Protein backbone atom coordinates (compact mmCIF):
# COMPACT_ATOMS: atom_id res chain seq x y z
CA MET A 1 15.14 -1.15 -26.71
CA LYS A 2 12.34 -1.48 -29.00
CA ILE A 3 11.11 0.99 -31.01
CA ASP A 4 7.16 0.44 -32.74
CA LEU A 5 6.27 2.99 -35.17
CA SER A 6 3.27 1.16 -35.82
CA LYS A 7 1.74 3.52 -32.67
CA LEU A 8 1.83 6.72 -34.51
CA ARG A 9 -0.52 5.81 -37.72
CA GLY A 10 -4.13 7.39 -36.81
CA ASN A 11 -1.97 9.31 -33.78
CA PRO A 12 -3.20 12.93 -33.94
CA GLU A 13 0.12 13.06 -31.61
CA ALA A 14 2.28 11.24 -34.21
CA PRO A 15 3.78 15.03 -35.57
CA LEU A 16 5.02 15.76 -31.76
CA LEU A 17 6.24 12.58 -31.12
CA VAL A 18 8.57 12.32 -34.50
CA VAL A 19 9.92 15.57 -32.88
CA ASP A 20 10.56 14.19 -29.92
CA LEU A 21 12.22 10.93 -31.67
CA LEU A 22 14.78 13.39 -33.61
CA MET A 23 15.48 15.69 -30.37
CA VAL A 24 16.11 12.24 -28.47
CA LEU A 25 18.84 11.49 -31.10
CA LEU A 26 19.76 15.46 -31.60
CA VAL A 27 20.46 15.84 -27.87
CA LEU A 28 22.03 12.36 -27.09
CA PHE A 29 24.18 13.57 -30.10
CA ASN A 30 25.14 17.04 -28.73
CA LEU A 31 25.62 15.50 -25.03
CA ALA A 32 28.39 12.82 -26.52
CA TRP A 33 29.73 15.66 -28.25
CA ILE A 34 30.12 18.02 -25.29
CA VAL A 35 31.56 14.53 -23.60
CA PHE A 36 33.88 14.73 -26.12
CA ASN A 37 34.94 18.41 -26.19
CA ALA A 38 35.21 18.56 -22.74
CA MET A 39 37.65 15.49 -23.35
CA PHE A 40 39.78 17.09 -25.93
CA GLY A 41 41.03 19.62 -23.51
CA VAL A 42 42.81 16.91 -21.78
CA GLN A 43 46.47 16.50 -23.19
CA TRP A 44 46.54 12.39 -22.20
CA PHE A 45 43.34 12.28 -24.52
CA GLN A 46 44.24 14.49 -27.40
CA ALA A 47 47.86 12.59 -27.93
CA GLY A 48 45.64 9.64 -28.19
CA ILE A 49 43.24 11.46 -30.67
CA ALA A 50 46.64 12.60 -32.60
CA LEU A 51 48.19 8.67 -32.84
CA ALA A 52 44.94 7.10 -33.83
CA SER A 53 44.37 9.90 -36.79
CA PRO A 54 46.99 12.72 -36.90
CA GLY A 55 44.32 15.06 -39.98
CA PHE A 56 41.41 14.58 -38.09
CA HIS A 57 43.35 15.67 -34.37
CA ALA A 58 44.36 18.95 -36.46
CA TRP A 59 41.18 19.67 -38.32
CA TYR A 60 39.30 19.52 -34.89
CA ARG A 61 42.09 20.92 -32.96
CA ASP A 62 42.52 24.45 -34.99
CA THR A 63 38.66 24.44 -36.64
CA ILE A 64 36.25 22.96 -34.02
CA HIS A 65 37.80 23.45 -30.87
CA PRO A 66 38.52 27.13 -30.48
CA ASP A 67 34.84 28.01 -31.49
CA PHE A 68 33.01 25.15 -30.06
CA LEU A 69 30.36 27.61 -28.34
CA GLU A 70 29.57 29.04 -31.73
CA TYR A 71 28.41 25.45 -32.97
CA ASP A 72 26.83 24.33 -29.21
CA ALA A 73 24.81 27.72 -30.44
CA VAL A 74 23.50 25.85 -33.43
CA PHE A 75 21.73 23.17 -31.10
CA VAL A 76 20.42 25.75 -28.85
CA ALA A 77 19.09 27.83 -31.66
CA ILE A 78 17.39 24.34 -31.96
CA TYR A 79 16.05 23.44 -28.20
CA VAL A 80 14.66 27.04 -27.58
CA THR A 81 12.43 27.28 -31.47
CA GLU A 82 11.33 23.57 -29.84
CA LEU A 83 10.73 25.13 -26.92
CA LEU A 84 8.92 27.98 -28.16
CA LEU A 85 6.47 25.54 -30.39
CA ARG A 86 5.25 23.68 -27.85
CA TRP A 87 4.89 26.65 -25.09
CA ALA A 88 2.26 28.08 -28.38
CA ILE A 89 0.73 24.64 -28.62
CA ALA A 90 0.40 24.48 -25.05
CA ILE A 91 -0.99 27.55 -25.24
CA PHE A 92 -3.50 27.02 -27.59
CA ARG A 93 -4.63 23.59 -26.27
CA ARG A 94 -5.06 25.51 -22.60
CA THR A 95 -3.01 22.86 -21.34
CA TYR A 96 -2.13 24.25 -18.16
CA HIS A 97 -3.80 26.99 -16.30
CA ARG A 98 -2.43 29.70 -17.10
CA TRP A 99 0.01 30.72 -20.15
CA PHE A 100 3.10 31.38 -18.69
CA PHE A 101 2.65 28.17 -16.80
CA TYR A 102 5.08 26.05 -19.32
CA PRO A 103 8.32 27.26 -18.93
CA PHE A 104 7.96 26.59 -15.25
CA VAL A 105 6.65 22.79 -15.76
CA HIS A 106 9.21 22.21 -18.19
CA TRP A 107 12.25 23.75 -16.17
CA TYR A 108 15.03 21.35 -17.18
CA ASP A 109 14.10 22.20 -20.89
CA VAL A 110 14.44 26.05 -20.53
CA LEU A 111 17.59 25.40 -18.17
CA GLY A 112 19.14 23.30 -20.40
CA CYS A 113 19.01 25.87 -23.77
CA ILE A 114 22.05 28.15 -21.37
CA PRO A 115 25.20 27.48 -23.19
CA VAL A 116 27.09 27.63 -19.78
CA GLY A 117 29.15 25.26 -18.14
CA SER A 118 27.06 22.75 -15.86
CA PHE A 119 23.67 23.79 -17.51
CA ARG A 120 24.84 22.01 -20.41
CA TRP A 121 23.71 18.92 -18.67
CA LEU A 122 20.72 19.46 -17.62
CA ARG A 123 20.01 18.27 -21.16
CA VAL A 124 19.93 14.59 -19.69
CA LEU A 125 16.81 15.29 -18.02
CA ARG A 126 15.47 16.92 -21.14
CA VAL A 127 16.08 13.35 -23.11
CA VAL A 128 15.04 11.64 -19.70
CA ALA A 129 11.26 13.30 -19.96
CA LEU A 130 11.01 12.79 -23.73
CA LEU A 131 11.93 8.72 -23.12
CA TRP A 132 9.53 9.05 -21.05
CA ARG A 133 6.73 10.70 -22.93
CA LEU A 134 7.59 8.34 -26.07
CA GLN A 135 7.89 4.64 -23.39
CA LYS A 136 3.42 6.38 -22.57
CA GLU A 137 2.81 6.49 -25.87
CA GLY A 138 4.14 2.92 -26.87
CA VAL A 139 6.16 4.04 -29.51
CA LEU A 140 9.57 3.15 -26.91
CA ASP A 141 9.86 0.13 -24.76
CA LEU A 142 12.68 0.78 -22.45
CA ARG A 143 11.52 -1.47 -19.52
CA ASP A 144 13.63 -4.18 -20.84
CA THR A 145 16.82 -2.75 -20.71
CA TRP A 146 19.08 -3.25 -18.41
CA LEU A 147 19.75 0.87 -17.97
CA VAL A 148 15.96 1.35 -16.82
CA ARG A 149 16.75 -1.82 -15.25
CA THR A 150 18.78 -1.38 -12.89
CA ALA A 151 17.71 2.48 -12.85
CA ARG A 152 14.49 0.54 -11.33
CA LYS A 153 15.89 -1.21 -9.11
CA TYR A 154 18.43 1.65 -6.82
CA LEU A 155 15.39 3.97 -6.93
CA ASP A 156 12.98 1.14 -5.16
CA ILE A 157 15.85 0.87 -2.72
CA VAL A 158 16.66 4.53 -2.21
CA THR A 159 12.68 5.24 -2.06
CA GLU A 160 12.14 2.59 0.14
CA GLU A 161 15.14 2.83 2.93
CA ILE A 162 13.83 6.66 3.18
CA SER A 163 10.44 6.18 3.35
CA ASP A 164 11.05 3.38 6.06
CA ARG A 165 13.42 4.91 8.30
CA VAL A 166 10.99 8.80 8.16
CA VAL A 167 8.10 5.83 8.99
CA LEU A 168 9.81 3.78 11.91
CA ASN A 169 11.04 7.14 13.51
CA VAL A 170 7.40 8.23 13.51
CA LEU A 171 6.38 4.88 14.63
CA ASP A 172 8.81 4.92 17.37
CA GLY A 173 7.59 8.29 18.42
CA VAL A 174 3.87 7.37 18.50
CA GLN A 175 5.02 4.53 20.98
CA ALA A 176 6.70 6.62 23.10
CA GLU A 177 3.63 8.86 23.33
CA VAL A 178 1.29 5.85 23.64
CA ALA A 179 3.58 4.00 26.55
CA ARG A 180 3.72 7.09 28.54
CA GLY A 181 -0.10 7.29 28.84
CA ASN A 182 -0.79 10.45 25.98
CA PRO A 183 -4.08 11.95 26.77
CA VAL A 184 -4.53 10.35 22.94
CA VAL A 185 -5.41 6.66 24.42
CA HIS A 186 -8.45 8.09 26.09
CA ARG A 187 -9.41 10.41 23.27
CA ILE A 188 -9.12 6.73 21.36
CA GLY A 189 -11.63 5.23 23.80
CA ASN A 190 -13.98 8.22 24.60
CA GLU A 191 -13.96 9.32 20.59
CA VAL A 192 -13.72 7.10 18.29
CA LEU A 193 -14.78 3.77 20.26
CA ALA A 194 -17.59 5.29 22.54
CA PRO A 195 -19.66 6.82 19.89
CA ARG A 196 -19.70 3.46 18.61
CA ARG A 197 -20.34 1.12 21.40
CA ASP A 198 -23.87 1.04 20.02
CA ALA A 199 -22.72 -0.13 16.32
CA PHE A 200 -20.04 -2.41 18.47
CA VAL A 201 -22.86 -4.18 20.67
CA GLY A 202 -25.01 -4.36 17.36
CA TRP A 203 -22.66 -6.29 15.81
CA LEU A 204 -21.73 -8.75 18.69
CA ALA A 205 -25.23 -9.53 19.06
CA GLY A 206 -25.80 -10.40 15.30
CA HIS A 207 -22.97 -12.49 15.79
CA LEU A 208 -23.98 -14.16 18.62
CA GLN A 209 -27.05 -15.40 17.00
CA ASP A 210 -25.58 -16.33 14.05
CA GLY A 211 -22.86 -18.24 16.05
CA VAL A 212 -25.53 -20.52 18.02
CA ALA A 213 -27.49 -20.47 14.65
CA ALA A 214 -24.30 -22.31 13.02
CA SER A 215 -23.59 -24.51 15.31
CA TRP A 216 -26.59 -25.60 17.29
CA GLU A 217 -27.81 -28.39 14.95
CA GLU A 218 -24.70 -29.48 14.68
CA HIS A 219 -24.06 -29.84 18.21
CA ARG A 220 -27.75 -30.63 19.30
CA PRO A 221 -27.39 -34.39 19.76
CA ALA A 222 -24.06 -33.96 21.40
CA LEU A 223 -25.77 -31.77 24.03
CA HIS A 224 -29.05 -33.70 24.94
CA ALA A 225 -26.81 -36.92 25.55
CA TRP A 226 -24.98 -34.88 28.10
CA LEU A 227 -28.14 -33.44 29.93
CA ALA A 228 -29.82 -37.05 29.58
CA ARG A 229 -26.82 -38.59 31.12
CA ALA A 230 -26.51 -35.56 33.98
CA VAL A 231 -30.14 -35.80 35.07
CA ALA A 232 -29.56 -39.81 34.83
CA GLU A 233 -26.90 -39.00 37.52
CA GLY A 234 -28.52 -36.43 39.38
CA MET A 235 -31.64 -38.95 39.30
CA ASP A 236 -29.49 -41.67 40.80
CA ALA A 237 -27.97 -39.44 43.51
CA SER A 238 -31.71 -38.42 44.37
CA SER A 239 -32.24 -40.04 47.94
CA GLU A 240 -36.32 -38.78 47.52
CA LEU A 241 -36.22 -40.71 44.32
CA LYS A 242 -34.51 -43.99 45.76
CA ARG A 243 -37.59 -43.84 48.27
CA LEU A 244 -39.93 -43.78 45.21
CA GLU A 245 -38.30 -46.74 43.56
CA GLN A 246 -38.96 -48.67 46.82
CA LEU A 247 -42.77 -48.71 46.70
CA PRO A 248 -44.04 -51.97 45.92
CA VAL A 249 -45.02 -53.16 42.30
CA VAL A 250 -45.63 -49.25 40.43
CA GLY A 251 -42.08 -47.71 42.48
CA PRO A 252 -39.78 -48.75 39.50
CA ALA A 253 -42.16 -47.65 36.77
CA LEU A 254 -42.73 -44.47 38.58
CA ALA A 255 -38.88 -43.52 38.91
CA GLY A 256 -38.52 -44.24 35.51
CA ALA A 257 -41.08 -42.21 34.21
CA LEU A 258 -40.13 -39.27 35.95
CA ASP A 259 -36.08 -39.75 35.22
CA ALA A 260 -37.55 -39.76 31.67
CA ALA A 261 -40.04 -36.89 31.73
CA VAL A 262 -37.15 -34.49 33.53
CA ALA A 263 -34.65 -35.15 30.77
CA ASP A 264 -37.30 -34.46 27.73
CA ILE A 265 -38.19 -31.12 29.99
CA ALA A 266 -34.63 -30.54 29.92
CA ARG A 267 -34.09 -31.23 26.65
CA SER A 268 -37.10 -28.71 25.39
CA ILE A 269 -35.71 -25.95 27.81
CA VAL A 270 -32.63 -26.39 26.04
CA ASP A 271 -34.06 -26.36 22.48
CA ARG A 272 -36.45 -23.31 23.37
CA ALA A 273 -33.41 -21.33 25.00
CA ALA A 274 -31.72 -21.91 22.04
CA THR A 275 -34.14 -20.97 19.41
CA ASP A 276 -35.23 -17.76 21.01
CA LEU A 277 -31.77 -16.85 21.45
CA THR A 278 -31.47 -17.28 17.91
CA ASP A 279 -35.21 -15.27 17.03
CA SER A 280 -35.26 -11.95 15.52
CA THR A 281 -37.48 -10.83 18.64
CA THR A 282 -34.21 -11.03 20.87
CA HIS A 283 -31.83 -9.28 19.62
CA ALA A 284 -33.00 -6.48 21.99
CA TYR A 285 -32.66 -7.83 24.89
CA LEU A 286 -29.20 -9.27 23.84
CA GLN A 287 -28.29 -5.57 22.66
CA ALA A 288 -29.09 -4.36 26.17
CA THR A 289 -27.30 -7.44 27.85
CA LEU A 290 -24.20 -6.53 26.20
CA ALA A 291 -24.59 -2.67 26.51
CA SER A 292 -24.81 -3.34 30.14
CA LEU A 293 -21.47 -5.36 29.85
CA LEU A 294 -19.55 -2.60 27.88
CA ALA A 295 -21.14 0.28 29.94
CA GLY A 296 -18.12 2.37 30.86
CA GLY A 297 -17.53 4.25 34.30
CA GLY A 298 -14.58 4.05 36.91
CA THR A 299 -12.59 1.35 36.61
CA ARG A 300 -14.04 0.14 33.30
CA ASP A 301 -12.69 3.21 31.88
CA GLU A 302 -9.62 2.50 32.91
CA GLN A 303 -9.85 -1.05 32.02
CA LEU A 304 -10.49 0.44 28.50
CA ALA A 305 -7.82 2.69 28.47
CA ARG A 306 -5.20 0.17 29.49
CA LEU A 307 -6.80 -2.43 26.88
CA VAL A 308 -6.55 0.27 23.88
CA ARG A 309 -3.12 1.53 25.03
CA GLU A 310 -1.39 -2.36 24.60
CA THR A 311 -3.60 -3.08 21.32
CA LEU A 312 -1.97 0.09 19.91
CA LEU A 313 1.38 -0.71 21.17
CA GLU A 314 1.17 -4.54 19.91
CA THR A 315 -0.14 -2.78 16.21
CA LEU A 316 1.96 -0.25 16.21
CA GLY A 317 5.17 -3.41 17.03
CA ILE A 318 3.78 -5.32 14.00
CA VAL A 319 3.71 -2.72 11.46
CA LYS A 320 7.01 -1.45 12.29
CA GLN A 321 8.35 -5.18 11.76
CA GLN A 322 6.50 -5.45 8.38
CA VAL A 323 8.31 -1.70 7.88
CA ALA A 324 11.81 -2.60 8.51
CA LEU A 325 11.22 -5.84 6.12
CA GLN A 326 13.49 -4.66 3.30
CA GLU A 327 11.08 -5.54 -0.17
CA TRP A 328 13.92 -4.50 -2.34
CA LYS A 329 15.85 -7.61 -1.61
CA VAL A 330 13.02 -10.29 -1.34
CA ARG A 331 11.78 -8.79 -5.24
CA GLU A 332 15.37 -8.75 -5.98
CA ALA A 333 15.74 -12.84 -4.88
CA THR A 334 12.41 -13.19 -6.61
CA GLY A 335 13.78 -12.19 -9.58
CA TYR A 336 11.49 -8.83 -10.15
CA TYR A 337 14.71 -6.81 -11.84
CA ASP A 338 15.16 -9.62 -14.08
């Protein structure tokens, strides 16, 4: 544990923080005394004290132990005074919405002032609250203490295990509802996807244009080579072209020129198609085409519902796998709590 008293300099809350430090020491002493006095009522503990220090044993047995409640009342008086002081400060600063909110917010302080039975142990919560306030202000640094590391570790374990069980139960119920064909699947299709169909269509059209523009220059030579081969093979298989080649003198030249012209025309058509496809003026045509493909009705609505249901089931399954993963074990293996 580190104590940095330099944080008190220039801090308008310094007087209250000093009081917090003193109250922590006082409450810890008080709790230790309560434990000692409770143990003193046990026969074997008294025997051990008598063996170690007979004079102290006799003095405590005859003077302190019978009137312990009166001594504890002194601590209670200090606690009540400090509580009333902080309540008055909260009223002056208007910390809470109403003046009477303070004792309800700090209920552990109020109940810890009751010098009866188990109420005394609520003073432990008072210590925790004071230490938290000092930690937040930077006066104390408890993060590297064994107690805080251990408490943080087991708090993480309890919180994660409980929350994971709750989330898994909820997801199991959702999966069962989806698998049974709950109307929620159709509602997702009709109320979530359908109103956004235009946005999806615009997004798909834009990505289609961007994809063509990005890949056209890269694959253009290969496509041209493929077109040349395809045209050559088609020409070779054409009986009309073979008869043209048989013409004397000009036949082979005409066939070659025709072959080259057809190949050029095919390349020009493909280039124009790619250029037009990436042009902004064709965006509306792409949207209309994709919208007609995604138009619902009849069988298509059922297909969409099935697709949504399968997607939800698989997505929920993945989420359940992730939730079931015990992250606290991963943190412990990586030395997070050290």
